[in-house]
N, C-alpha and C. Protein backbone atom coordinates (compact mmCIF):
# COMPACT_ATOMS: atom_id res chain seq x y z
N MET A 1 19.43 143.49 98.29
CA MET A 1 19.59 142.79 97.01
C MET A 1 21.00 143.13 96.39
N LYS A 2 21.73 142.13 95.91
CA LYS A 2 23.04 142.41 95.37
C LYS A 2 22.95 143.23 94.07
N LYS A 3 23.80 144.23 93.92
CA LYS A 3 23.84 145.06 92.76
C LYS A 3 24.72 144.41 91.70
N LEU A 4 24.49 144.78 90.46
CA LEU A 4 25.28 144.24 89.40
C LEU A 4 26.68 144.75 89.40
N ILE A 5 26.93 146.00 89.79
CA ILE A 5 28.16 146.68 89.74
C ILE A 5 28.49 147.26 91.06
N SER A 6 29.76 147.07 91.52
CA SER A 6 30.29 147.75 92.66
C SER A 6 31.33 148.73 92.21
N ILE A 7 31.08 150.03 92.44
CA ILE A 7 32.02 151.07 92.13
C ILE A 7 32.86 151.37 93.37
N ILE A 8 34.15 151.30 93.23
CA ILE A 8 35.07 151.56 94.35
C ILE A 8 35.72 152.88 94.12
N MET A 9 35.65 153.68 95.18
CA MET A 9 36.32 155.03 95.17
C MET A 9 37.12 155.16 96.44
N THR A 10 38.46 155.12 96.34
CA THR A 10 39.26 155.39 97.55
C THR A 10 39.60 156.82 97.58
N VAL A 11 39.78 157.35 98.79
CA VAL A 11 40.05 158.79 98.95
C VAL A 11 41.03 159.01 100.10
N TYR A 12 41.96 159.89 99.87
CA TYR A 12 42.83 160.32 100.94
C TYR A 12 43.08 161.83 100.85
N ASN A 13 42.46 162.58 101.75
CA ASN A 13 42.56 164.01 101.78
C ASN A 13 42.11 164.60 100.43
N GLY A 14 40.97 164.17 100.01
CA GLY A 14 40.48 164.61 98.67
C GLY A 14 39.26 165.49 98.74
N GLU A 15 39.14 166.30 99.78
CA GLU A 15 37.96 167.08 99.98
C GLU A 15 37.59 168.03 98.82
N ARG A 16 38.59 168.48 98.12
CA ARG A 16 38.30 169.52 97.11
C ARG A 16 37.43 168.98 95.99
N TYR A 17 37.67 167.77 95.57
CA TYR A 17 36.96 167.23 94.40
C TYR A 17 36.06 166.06 94.69
N LEU A 18 36.10 165.54 95.96
CA LEU A 18 35.35 164.30 96.25
C LEU A 18 33.85 164.46 95.92
N GLY A 19 33.23 165.58 96.31
CA GLY A 19 31.84 165.72 96.14
C GLY A 19 31.38 165.67 94.70
N PHE A 20 32.23 166.21 93.81
CA PHE A 20 31.94 166.19 92.36
C PHE A 20 32.04 164.76 91.83
N ALA A 21 33.06 164.03 92.33
CA ALA A 21 33.24 162.65 91.86
C ALA A 21 32.05 161.77 92.29
N ILE A 22 31.63 161.95 93.58
CA ILE A 22 30.47 161.15 94.02
C ILE A 22 29.22 161.55 93.26
N GLN A 23 28.94 162.78 93.01
CA GLN A 23 27.75 163.16 92.22
C GLN A 23 27.75 162.57 90.86
N SER A 24 28.95 162.53 90.21
CA SER A 24 28.99 161.97 88.86
C SER A 24 28.62 160.51 88.81
N VAL A 25 28.95 159.76 89.89
CA VAL A 25 28.57 158.35 89.99
C VAL A 25 27.05 158.24 90.23
N LEU A 26 26.55 159.01 91.16
CA LEU A 26 25.18 158.92 91.52
C LEU A 26 24.25 159.40 90.39
N SER A 27 24.81 160.16 89.44
CA SER A 27 23.97 160.67 88.31
C SER A 27 23.96 159.72 87.12
N GLN A 28 24.47 158.51 87.28
CA GLN A 28 24.45 157.54 86.20
C GLN A 28 23.02 157.20 85.74
N THR A 29 22.90 157.03 84.43
CA THR A 29 21.59 156.63 83.91
C THR A 29 21.34 155.11 84.18
N TYR A 30 22.34 154.38 84.50
CA TYR A 30 22.17 152.97 84.85
C TYR A 30 22.17 152.85 86.43
N PRO A 31 21.05 152.42 87.00
CA PRO A 31 20.90 152.55 88.44
C PRO A 31 21.42 151.34 89.27
N ASP A 32 21.69 150.17 88.64
CA ASP A 32 22.01 148.95 89.42
C ASP A 32 23.41 148.91 89.86
N PHE A 33 23.78 149.69 90.78
CA PHE A 33 25.13 149.73 91.30
C PHE A 33 25.15 150.15 92.79
N GLU A 34 26.30 149.86 93.39
CA GLU A 34 26.58 150.38 94.72
C GLU A 34 27.84 151.19 94.61
N LEU A 35 27.99 152.17 95.42
CA LEU A 35 29.23 153.02 95.49
C LEU A 35 29.85 152.82 96.85
N LEU A 36 31.02 152.21 96.90
CA LEU A 36 31.78 152.05 98.15
C LEU A 36 32.90 153.11 98.17
N ILE A 37 32.77 153.99 99.12
CA ILE A 37 33.81 155.02 99.28
C ILE A 37 34.63 154.60 100.48
N TRP A 38 35.93 154.33 100.19
CA TRP A 38 36.88 153.93 101.21
C TRP A 38 37.81 155.00 101.57
N ASP A 39 37.72 155.51 102.83
CA ASP A 39 38.58 156.63 103.22
C ASP A 39 39.86 156.05 103.81
N ASP A 40 40.94 156.47 103.26
CA ASP A 40 42.29 155.90 103.63
C ASP A 40 42.97 156.79 104.65
N GLY A 41 42.24 157.03 105.75
CA GLY A 41 42.85 157.81 106.87
C GLY A 41 42.95 159.32 106.61
N SER A 42 42.00 159.91 105.89
CA SER A 42 42.04 161.31 105.61
C SER A 42 42.00 162.15 106.89
N THR A 43 42.67 163.30 106.82
CA THR A 43 42.70 164.24 107.92
C THR A 43 41.96 165.47 107.62
N ASP A 44 41.36 165.58 106.45
CA ASP A 44 40.55 166.67 106.07
C ASP A 44 39.06 166.35 106.23
N SER A 45 38.19 166.98 105.44
CA SER A 45 36.79 166.70 105.57
C SER A 45 36.18 165.68 104.64
N SER A 46 37.09 164.81 104.10
CA SER A 46 36.63 163.83 103.12
C SER A 46 35.58 162.87 103.73
N VAL A 47 35.77 162.47 104.92
CA VAL A 47 34.84 161.48 105.55
C VAL A 47 33.48 162.16 105.68
N GLU A 48 33.45 163.36 106.13
CA GLU A 48 32.12 164.09 106.28
C GLU A 48 31.42 164.23 104.90
N ILE A 49 32.20 164.55 103.88
CA ILE A 49 31.60 164.68 102.56
C ILE A 49 31.03 163.35 102.10
N ALA A 50 31.78 162.31 102.28
CA ALA A 50 31.33 160.95 101.86
C ALA A 50 30.08 160.53 102.63
N ARG A 51 30.07 160.75 103.93
CA ARG A 51 28.91 160.35 104.77
C ARG A 51 27.69 161.16 104.46
N SER A 52 27.87 162.36 104.03
CA SER A 52 26.70 163.18 103.67
C SER A 52 25.99 162.61 102.43
N ALA A 53 26.74 161.92 101.54
CA ALA A 53 26.07 161.34 100.35
C ALA A 53 25.19 160.13 100.82
N VAL A 54 25.58 159.47 101.87
CA VAL A 54 24.79 158.32 102.36
C VAL A 54 23.34 158.74 102.74
N GLN A 55 23.23 159.93 103.20
CA GLN A 55 21.92 160.48 103.66
C GLN A 55 20.97 160.65 102.47
N PHE A 56 21.50 160.77 101.27
CA PHE A 56 20.67 161.00 100.14
C PHE A 56 20.55 159.85 99.20
N ASP A 57 21.42 158.90 99.31
CA ASP A 57 21.29 157.72 98.41
C ASP A 57 21.79 156.48 99.12
N GLN A 58 20.88 155.50 99.17
CA GLN A 58 21.17 154.27 99.90
C GLN A 58 22.14 153.35 99.23
N ARG A 59 22.47 153.68 97.95
CA ARG A 59 23.51 152.93 97.24
C ARG A 59 24.92 153.21 97.71
N VAL A 60 25.10 154.22 98.54
CA VAL A 60 26.42 154.64 98.98
C VAL A 60 26.74 154.01 100.28
N ARG A 61 27.99 153.46 100.38
CA ARG A 61 28.51 152.96 101.69
C ARG A 61 29.88 153.62 101.86
N VAL A 62 30.18 153.90 103.14
CA VAL A 62 31.43 154.54 103.54
C VAL A 62 32.17 153.66 104.52
N VAL A 63 33.44 153.36 104.21
CA VAL A 63 34.28 152.68 105.21
C VAL A 63 35.47 153.57 105.51
N THR A 64 35.79 153.71 106.80
CA THR A 64 36.93 154.46 107.21
C THR A 64 38.02 153.51 107.73
N ALA A 65 39.27 153.81 107.38
CA ALA A 65 40.39 152.92 107.79
C ALA A 65 41.63 153.76 108.04
N PRO A 66 42.57 153.20 108.70
CA PRO A 66 43.89 153.87 108.89
C PRO A 66 44.58 154.01 107.51
N HIS A 67 45.47 155.01 107.37
CA HIS A 67 46.10 155.21 106.14
C HIS A 67 47.13 154.14 105.78
N THR A 68 46.94 153.42 104.66
CA THR A 68 47.82 152.34 104.25
C THR A 68 48.33 152.60 102.84
N GLY A 69 47.84 153.54 102.10
CA GLY A 69 48.26 153.73 100.73
C GLY A 69 47.21 153.21 99.76
N ARG A 70 47.33 153.62 98.50
CA ARG A 70 46.29 153.31 97.53
C ARG A 70 46.13 151.81 97.18
N ALA A 71 47.24 151.11 97.06
CA ALA A 71 47.14 149.69 96.64
C ALA A 71 46.43 148.86 97.69
N ARG A 72 46.80 149.03 98.95
CA ARG A 72 46.16 148.32 100.04
C ARG A 72 44.73 148.67 100.21
N SER A 73 44.46 150.01 100.08
CA SER A 73 43.09 150.42 100.20
C SER A 73 42.14 149.87 99.10
N LEU A 74 42.63 149.91 97.88
CA LEU A 74 41.85 149.34 96.78
C LEU A 74 41.52 147.85 97.04
N LYS A 75 42.59 147.13 97.37
CA LYS A 75 42.37 145.66 97.59
C LYS A 75 41.38 145.38 98.68
N ALA A 76 41.54 146.14 99.83
CA ALA A 76 40.67 145.96 100.90
C ALA A 76 39.19 146.36 100.58
N ALA A 77 39.07 147.45 99.85
CA ALA A 77 37.73 147.91 99.49
C ALA A 77 37.06 146.90 98.57
N ILE A 78 37.72 146.35 97.60
CA ILE A 78 37.14 145.38 96.69
C ILE A 78 36.65 144.17 97.51
N LYS A 79 37.44 143.79 98.52
CA LYS A 79 37.01 142.60 99.34
C LYS A 79 35.70 142.88 100.07
N GLN A 80 35.28 144.13 100.19
CA GLN A 80 34.10 144.48 100.94
C GLN A 80 32.85 144.46 99.97
N THR A 81 33.05 144.09 98.76
CA THR A 81 31.99 144.05 97.77
C THR A 81 31.78 142.62 97.22
N THR A 82 30.60 142.43 96.64
CA THR A 82 30.30 141.11 96.13
C THR A 82 29.71 141.14 94.72
N SER A 83 29.52 142.35 94.10
CA SER A 83 28.91 142.38 92.76
C SER A 83 29.75 141.69 91.71
N PRO A 84 29.13 141.15 90.67
CA PRO A 84 29.83 140.47 89.62
C PRO A 84 30.73 141.38 88.74
N TYR A 85 30.46 142.70 88.73
CA TYR A 85 31.23 143.63 88.00
C TYR A 85 31.83 144.60 88.94
N ILE A 86 33.11 144.98 88.66
CA ILE A 86 33.82 146.02 89.56
C ILE A 86 34.31 147.11 88.70
N GLY A 87 34.01 148.37 89.19
CA GLY A 87 34.52 149.52 88.53
C GLY A 87 35.31 150.39 89.49
N LEU A 88 36.34 151.05 88.98
CA LEU A 88 37.22 151.92 89.84
C LEU A 88 37.12 153.36 89.34
N VAL A 89 36.83 154.25 90.23
CA VAL A 89 36.70 155.68 89.88
C VAL A 89 37.52 156.43 90.89
N ASP A 90 38.44 157.30 90.41
CA ASP A 90 39.27 158.06 91.30
C ASP A 90 38.44 159.19 91.94
N SER A 91 38.84 159.59 93.12
CA SER A 91 38.04 160.55 93.90
C SER A 91 38.19 161.98 93.42
N ASP A 92 38.99 162.24 92.44
CA ASP A 92 39.12 163.55 91.84
C ASP A 92 38.66 163.60 90.41
N ASP A 93 38.12 162.50 89.88
CA ASP A 93 37.69 162.43 88.52
C ASP A 93 36.16 162.41 88.37
N LEU A 94 35.68 162.35 87.18
CA LEU A 94 34.29 162.28 86.94
C LEU A 94 33.85 161.22 85.88
N LEU A 95 32.70 160.68 86.03
CA LEU A 95 32.07 159.81 85.03
C LEU A 95 31.07 160.48 84.20
N ALA A 96 31.06 160.21 82.91
CA ALA A 96 29.99 160.67 82.07
C ALA A 96 28.70 159.96 82.51
N PRO A 97 27.55 160.53 82.28
CA PRO A 97 26.29 159.95 82.79
C PRO A 97 25.97 158.55 82.31
N THR A 98 26.42 158.19 81.08
CA THR A 98 26.18 156.85 80.56
C THR A 98 27.30 155.87 80.68
N ALA A 99 28.30 156.18 81.46
CA ALA A 99 29.45 155.32 81.52
C ALA A 99 29.15 153.94 82.00
N LEU A 100 28.40 153.73 83.08
CA LEU A 100 28.13 152.41 83.56
C LEU A 100 27.20 151.68 82.59
N LYS A 101 26.19 152.37 82.04
CA LYS A 101 25.28 151.69 81.10
C LYS A 101 25.99 151.15 79.91
N GLU A 102 26.90 151.94 79.36
CA GLU A 102 27.57 151.52 78.10
C GLU A 102 28.67 150.43 78.32
N THR A 103 29.39 150.54 79.43
CA THR A 103 30.44 149.56 79.70
C THR A 103 29.85 148.24 80.16
N ALA A 104 28.81 148.29 81.02
CA ALA A 104 28.18 147.06 81.47
C ALA A 104 27.50 146.35 80.33
N ALA A 105 27.04 147.06 79.34
CA ALA A 105 26.38 146.41 78.20
C ALA A 105 27.35 145.53 77.40
N VAL A 106 28.66 146.00 77.30
CA VAL A 106 29.64 145.17 76.69
C VAL A 106 29.91 143.86 77.41
N LEU A 107 30.05 143.96 78.69
CA LEU A 107 30.29 142.73 79.51
C LEU A 107 29.14 141.80 79.50
N TYR A 108 27.90 142.39 79.54
CA TYR A 108 26.72 141.54 79.58
C TYR A 108 26.54 140.80 78.22
N ALA A 109 26.84 141.46 77.10
CA ALA A 109 26.61 140.87 75.80
C ALA A 109 27.73 139.98 75.34
N ARG A 110 28.95 140.18 75.80
CA ARG A 110 30.10 139.43 75.37
C ARG A 110 30.81 138.77 76.52
N LYS A 111 30.51 137.51 76.72
CA LYS A 111 31.01 136.76 77.90
C LYS A 111 32.53 136.59 77.86
N GLU A 112 33.08 136.67 76.66
CA GLU A 112 34.57 136.44 76.48
C GLU A 112 35.34 137.64 76.92
N VAL A 113 34.69 138.76 77.02
CA VAL A 113 35.38 139.99 77.50
C VAL A 113 35.38 140.10 79.00
N GLY A 114 36.54 140.21 79.65
CA GLY A 114 36.64 140.30 81.03
C GLY A 114 36.86 141.74 81.57
N LEU A 115 37.24 142.60 80.62
CA LEU A 115 37.57 144.00 81.02
C LEU A 115 37.25 144.88 79.86
N VAL A 116 36.54 146.00 80.16
CA VAL A 116 36.27 146.99 79.14
C VAL A 116 36.73 148.30 79.63
N TYR A 117 37.36 149.09 78.79
CA TYR A 117 37.78 150.50 79.16
C TYR A 117 37.37 151.46 78.06
N THR A 118 37.29 152.71 78.38
CA THR A 118 36.76 153.73 77.50
C THR A 118 37.84 154.80 77.21
N ASP A 119 37.49 155.65 76.25
CA ASP A 119 38.31 156.90 76.09
C ASP A 119 38.06 157.82 77.24
N TYR A 120 38.89 158.80 77.40
CA TYR A 120 38.69 159.80 78.44
C TYR A 120 39.10 161.15 77.97
N GLN A 121 38.60 162.20 78.64
CA GLN A 121 38.93 163.56 78.34
C GLN A 121 39.57 164.11 79.61
N VAL A 122 40.48 165.07 79.43
CA VAL A 122 41.23 165.64 80.54
C VAL A 122 40.56 167.00 80.93
N ILE A 123 40.36 167.20 82.24
CA ILE A 123 39.83 168.44 82.75
C ILE A 123 40.80 169.00 83.72
N ASP A 124 40.69 170.27 84.01
CA ASP A 124 41.66 170.93 84.91
C ASP A 124 40.99 171.08 86.25
N GLU A 125 41.68 171.80 87.18
CA GLU A 125 41.24 171.96 88.60
C GLU A 125 39.81 172.62 88.67
N ASN A 126 39.50 173.42 87.63
CA ASN A 126 38.25 174.19 87.72
C ASN A 126 37.23 173.64 86.77
N HIS A 127 37.34 172.32 86.37
CA HIS A 127 36.47 171.54 85.56
C HIS A 127 36.42 171.94 84.08
N ASN A 128 37.39 172.79 83.67
CA ASN A 128 37.50 173.12 82.24
C ASN A 128 38.08 171.99 81.45
N LEU A 129 37.57 171.81 80.25
CA LEU A 129 38.00 170.72 79.39
C LEU A 129 39.31 171.11 78.77
N ILE A 130 40.36 170.27 78.93
CA ILE A 130 41.64 170.51 78.31
C ILE A 130 41.78 169.83 76.94
N GLY A 131 41.31 168.60 76.84
CA GLY A 131 41.45 167.93 75.59
C GLY A 131 41.20 166.42 75.72
N TYR A 132 41.28 165.77 74.57
CA TYR A 132 41.12 164.29 74.52
C TYR A 132 42.32 163.66 75.12
N GLY A 133 42.10 162.59 75.85
CA GLY A 133 43.22 161.84 76.48
C GLY A 133 44.17 161.22 75.43
N GLN A 134 45.44 161.28 75.67
CA GLN A 134 46.39 160.76 74.70
C GLN A 134 46.53 159.26 74.79
N ARG A 135 46.43 158.68 75.95
CA ARG A 135 46.65 157.23 76.10
C ARG A 135 45.56 156.46 75.42
N CYS A 136 44.34 156.92 75.40
CA CYS A 136 43.29 156.17 74.81
C CYS A 136 43.38 156.18 73.28
N ARG A 137 44.22 157.00 72.73
CA ARG A 137 44.45 156.99 71.28
C ARG A 137 45.37 155.85 70.82
N ILE A 138 46.01 155.22 71.78
CA ILE A 138 46.91 154.12 71.48
C ILE A 138 46.10 152.86 71.22
N PRO A 139 46.23 152.17 70.05
CA PRO A 139 45.46 150.97 69.83
C PRO A 139 45.82 149.90 70.83
N TYR A 140 44.75 149.18 71.28
CA TYR A 140 45.09 148.14 72.26
C TYR A 140 45.62 146.89 71.58
N SER A 141 46.66 146.29 72.18
CA SER A 141 46.99 144.94 71.85
C SER A 141 47.73 144.42 73.14
N LYS A 142 47.66 143.08 73.31
CA LYS A 142 48.32 142.50 74.46
C LYS A 142 49.80 142.81 74.47
N GLU A 143 50.42 142.83 73.31
CA GLU A 143 51.86 143.07 73.18
C GLU A 143 52.15 144.54 73.47
N ARG A 144 51.38 145.41 72.91
CA ARG A 144 51.59 146.86 73.09
C ARG A 144 51.40 147.30 74.58
N LEU A 145 50.60 146.53 75.31
CA LEU A 145 50.36 146.83 76.69
C LEU A 145 51.65 146.68 77.49
N LEU A 146 52.58 145.94 77.03
CA LEU A 146 53.84 145.78 77.74
C LEU A 146 54.63 147.07 77.87
N VAL A 147 54.38 147.98 76.92
CA VAL A 147 55.20 149.20 76.91
C VAL A 147 54.34 150.47 76.99
N ASP A 148 53.04 150.40 76.79
CA ASP A 148 52.12 151.52 76.86
C ASP A 148 50.92 151.21 77.62
N PHE A 149 50.59 151.97 78.63
CA PHE A 149 49.41 151.72 79.49
C PHE A 149 48.23 152.51 78.87
N MET A 150 47.67 151.92 77.84
CA MET A 150 46.54 152.60 77.20
C MET A 150 45.23 152.33 77.88
N ILE A 151 45.15 151.36 78.80
CA ILE A 151 43.96 151.03 79.49
C ILE A 151 43.91 151.93 80.73
N PHE A 152 43.65 153.19 80.45
CA PHE A 152 43.84 154.21 81.50
C PHE A 152 42.51 154.56 82.16
N HIS A 153 41.43 154.69 81.40
CA HIS A 153 40.17 155.04 81.90
C HIS A 153 39.09 154.47 81.01
N PHE A 154 37.82 154.22 81.50
CA PHE A 154 37.18 154.76 82.65
C PHE A 154 37.67 154.17 83.97
N ARG A 155 38.83 153.88 84.18
CA ARG A 155 39.41 153.12 85.26
C ARG A 155 38.77 151.73 85.20
N ARG A 156 38.19 151.45 84.05
CA ARG A 156 37.84 150.06 83.68
C ARG A 156 36.65 149.52 84.41
N LEU A 157 35.84 148.65 83.77
CA LEU A 157 34.85 147.82 84.36
C LEU A 157 35.30 146.45 84.12
N LEU A 158 35.41 145.61 85.12
CA LEU A 158 35.89 144.25 84.95
C LEU A 158 35.03 143.29 85.68
N ARG A 159 35.15 142.01 85.25
CA ARG A 159 34.46 140.92 85.90
C ARG A 159 35.14 140.50 87.17
N ARG A 160 34.35 140.29 88.22
CA ARG A 160 35.00 139.90 89.45
C ARG A 160 35.72 138.52 89.33
N ASP A 161 35.15 137.63 88.55
CA ASP A 161 35.74 136.28 88.45
C ASP A 161 37.14 136.32 87.85
N VAL A 162 37.39 137.24 86.84
CA VAL A 162 38.71 137.30 86.26
C VAL A 162 39.66 138.05 87.20
N TYR A 163 39.10 139.06 87.89
CA TYR A 163 39.93 139.72 88.92
C TYR A 163 40.42 138.78 89.93
N GLU A 164 39.54 137.92 90.45
CA GLU A 164 39.94 136.91 91.43
C GLU A 164 40.82 135.81 90.81
N GLN A 165 40.62 135.47 89.56
CA GLN A 165 41.43 134.50 88.86
C GLN A 165 42.90 134.90 88.91
N VAL A 166 43.21 136.16 88.75
CA VAL A 166 44.63 136.58 88.64
C VAL A 166 45.14 136.99 90.05
N GLY A 167 44.33 136.86 91.06
CA GLY A 167 44.83 137.12 92.42
C GLY A 167 44.63 138.54 92.90
N GLY A 168 43.86 139.38 92.09
CA GLY A 168 43.56 140.74 92.54
C GLY A 168 44.75 141.65 92.45
N ILE A 169 44.65 142.81 93.22
CA ILE A 169 45.70 143.79 93.23
C ILE A 169 46.88 143.28 93.97
N ASN A 170 48.07 143.60 93.48
CA ASN A 170 49.31 143.18 94.12
C ASN A 170 49.71 144.41 94.99
N GLU A 171 49.72 144.29 96.31
CA GLU A 171 49.98 145.42 97.17
C GLU A 171 51.42 145.94 97.07
N GLU A 172 52.30 145.11 96.51
CA GLU A 172 53.72 145.53 96.36
C GLU A 172 53.85 146.67 95.30
N PHE A 173 52.87 146.87 94.47
CA PHE A 173 52.96 147.82 93.41
C PHE A 173 52.15 149.03 93.79
N GLU A 174 52.67 149.85 94.71
CA GLU A 174 51.97 151.05 95.23
C GLU A 174 51.85 152.12 94.18
N LEU A 175 52.83 152.31 93.29
CA LEU A 175 52.75 153.34 92.34
C LEU A 175 52.09 152.99 91.03
N ALA A 176 51.97 151.72 90.71
CA ALA A 176 51.40 151.32 89.42
C ALA A 176 50.63 150.02 89.56
N GLN A 177 49.82 149.93 90.64
CA GLN A 177 49.11 148.69 90.88
C GLN A 177 48.07 148.38 89.78
N ASP A 178 47.48 149.48 89.21
CA ASP A 178 46.47 149.27 88.22
C ASP A 178 47.05 148.77 86.89
N TYR A 179 48.22 149.32 86.56
CA TYR A 179 48.93 148.83 85.35
C TYR A 179 49.36 147.40 85.44
N GLU A 180 49.93 147.05 86.63
CA GLU A 180 50.40 145.66 86.86
C GLU A 180 49.20 144.71 86.83
N LEU A 181 48.10 145.12 87.38
CA LEU A 181 46.88 144.27 87.34
C LEU A 181 46.43 144.07 85.88
N CYS A 182 46.35 145.07 85.09
CA CYS A 182 45.96 144.96 83.70
C CYS A 182 46.90 143.98 82.94
N LEU A 183 48.11 144.01 83.20
CA LEU A 183 49.09 143.08 82.53
C LEU A 183 48.70 141.71 82.81
N ARG A 184 48.41 141.34 84.08
CA ARG A 184 47.94 139.99 84.41
C ARG A 184 46.64 139.64 83.85
N LEU A 185 45.68 140.61 83.85
CA LEU A 185 44.42 140.35 83.25
C LEU A 185 44.49 140.00 81.77
N SER A 186 45.39 140.72 81.07
CA SER A 186 45.51 140.50 79.61
C SER A 186 45.93 139.09 79.28
N GLU A 187 46.50 138.41 80.25
CA GLU A 187 46.93 137.00 80.01
C GLU A 187 45.81 136.05 80.12
N VAL A 188 44.71 136.38 80.72
CA VAL A 188 43.63 135.43 80.97
C VAL A 188 42.27 135.77 80.34
N THR A 189 42.15 136.99 79.80
CA THR A 189 40.80 137.37 79.27
C THR A 189 40.95 138.35 78.18
N GLN A 190 39.93 138.49 77.40
CA GLN A 190 39.89 139.52 76.34
C GLN A 190 39.58 140.86 76.93
N ILE A 191 40.19 141.93 76.36
CA ILE A 191 40.04 143.25 76.81
C ILE A 191 39.46 144.08 75.61
N GLU A 192 38.39 144.84 75.93
CA GLU A 192 37.67 145.56 74.93
C GLU A 192 37.84 147.04 75.13
N HIS A 193 38.13 147.80 74.08
CA HIS A 193 38.23 149.23 74.10
C HIS A 193 36.95 149.80 73.56
N LEU A 194 36.21 150.54 74.38
CA LEU A 194 35.00 151.29 73.92
C LEU A 194 35.42 152.66 73.57
N ALA A 195 35.45 152.97 72.30
CA ALA A 195 36.05 154.27 71.87
C ALA A 195 35.04 155.42 71.97
N LYS A 196 34.66 155.71 73.22
CA LYS A 196 33.86 156.83 73.56
C LYS A 196 34.39 157.52 74.84
N PRO A 197 34.45 158.79 74.88
CA PRO A 197 34.99 159.46 76.04
C PRO A 197 33.98 159.52 77.18
N LEU A 198 33.99 158.51 78.05
CA LEU A 198 33.03 158.36 79.15
C LEU A 198 33.64 158.63 80.53
N TYR A 199 34.85 159.10 80.57
CA TYR A 199 35.53 159.41 81.80
C TYR A 199 36.25 160.76 81.68
N TYR A 200 36.27 161.54 82.83
CA TYR A 200 36.97 162.80 82.85
C TYR A 200 38.07 162.75 83.84
N TYR A 201 39.29 162.77 83.38
CA TYR A 201 40.47 162.68 84.20
C TYR A 201 40.93 164.06 84.62
N ARG A 202 40.96 164.32 85.86
CA ARG A 202 41.37 165.63 86.32
C ARG A 202 42.91 165.79 86.52
N TYR A 203 43.43 166.80 85.76
CA TYR A 203 44.84 167.07 85.79
C TYR A 203 45.16 168.19 86.79
N HIS A 204 45.87 167.87 87.89
CA HIS A 204 46.20 168.89 88.87
C HIS A 204 47.55 168.48 89.45
N ARG A 205 47.92 169.17 90.46
CA ARG A 205 49.31 168.94 91.00
C ARG A 205 49.57 167.55 91.41
N GLU A 206 48.66 166.94 92.15
CA GLU A 206 48.81 165.57 92.63
C GLU A 206 48.79 164.58 91.51
N SER A 207 47.90 164.77 90.55
CA SER A 207 47.75 163.84 89.46
C SER A 207 49.00 163.91 88.46
N MET A 208 49.50 165.12 88.34
CA MET A 208 50.71 165.26 87.50
C MET A 208 51.86 164.50 88.09
N SER A 209 52.01 164.55 89.42
CA SER A 209 53.11 163.79 90.14
C SER A 209 52.93 162.35 89.91
N HIS A 210 51.72 161.85 90.04
CA HIS A 210 51.48 160.36 89.84
C HIS A 210 51.73 160.00 88.41
N GLN A 211 51.26 160.84 87.48
CA GLN A 211 51.46 160.48 86.09
C GLN A 211 52.97 160.42 85.70
N LYS A 212 53.73 161.32 86.28
CA LYS A 212 55.17 161.29 85.99
C LYS A 212 55.79 160.01 86.48
N ARG A 213 55.31 159.50 87.63
CA ARG A 213 55.83 158.20 88.13
C ARG A 213 55.46 157.06 87.26
N ILE A 214 54.24 157.11 86.69
CA ILE A 214 53.77 156.09 85.78
C ILE A 214 54.67 156.10 84.54
N GLU A 215 54.98 157.28 84.04
CA GLU A 215 55.85 157.44 82.84
C GLU A 215 57.23 156.85 83.10
N GLN A 216 57.73 157.06 84.30
CA GLN A 216 59.06 156.52 84.64
C GLN A 216 59.01 155.02 84.72
N ILE A 217 57.95 154.47 85.22
CA ILE A 217 57.83 153.01 85.29
C ILE A 217 57.73 152.43 83.94
N LEU A 218 56.92 152.99 83.04
CA LEU A 218 56.83 152.54 81.68
C LEU A 218 58.13 152.58 80.92
N ALA A 219 58.87 153.69 81.14
CA ALA A 219 60.19 153.82 80.46
C ALA A 219 61.13 152.80 80.94
N SER A 220 61.07 152.43 82.21
CA SER A 220 62.03 151.46 82.77
C SER A 220 61.78 150.05 82.13
N ARG A 221 60.52 149.83 81.65
CA ARG A 221 60.22 148.45 81.12
C ARG A 221 60.84 148.35 79.71
N CYS A 222 61.27 149.47 79.12
CA CYS A 222 61.82 149.42 77.77
C CYS A 222 63.36 149.38 77.79
N ASP A 223 63.89 149.51 79.01
CA ASP A 223 65.38 149.50 79.13
C ASP A 223 65.97 148.14 78.82
């Protein structure tokens, strides 16, 4: 039976945090979802960790593929799903237990909303809480999105039909494919900010490097 929500989690050599990320999804109070874990050619134990989850929960699927990078992996993974709602969760982050229930409720009740995102809190490598996310404090507007990527987490829940309407992820944007996608989505649908911290963004060496690149991209748009 088709699930209402498809959660996409791509991973590349993410063995340190992957198990925690998977467990946070499987611990959701809203049960009507599938979790697709797409391994992007990992050389560590990520595949084994992902496959072990399949043994305990039939909602989990694992796909292994050669390494192509995050943008291509995300696009290919989404093509493997059919649910009307799509959610993206990073393999080193965590969902709050009610994240799916509360975000799905917004899309279900308000047909004009095509994308909903939440506040997030930052955690460190050892799961310690660092503080409230700065980007989610920025008020959303279509115009402000041009210079500030406030739609940062829960990595968003969106309607498949609007995702397909804008053509999906653009593989040319390897460093900021999620930001570029949100810019196109803002042109065709309403975006709702749920002001509750339902996502935990892990701040570590790799995430800091990625965040620095995002900041550089945003700065270049203001030149």
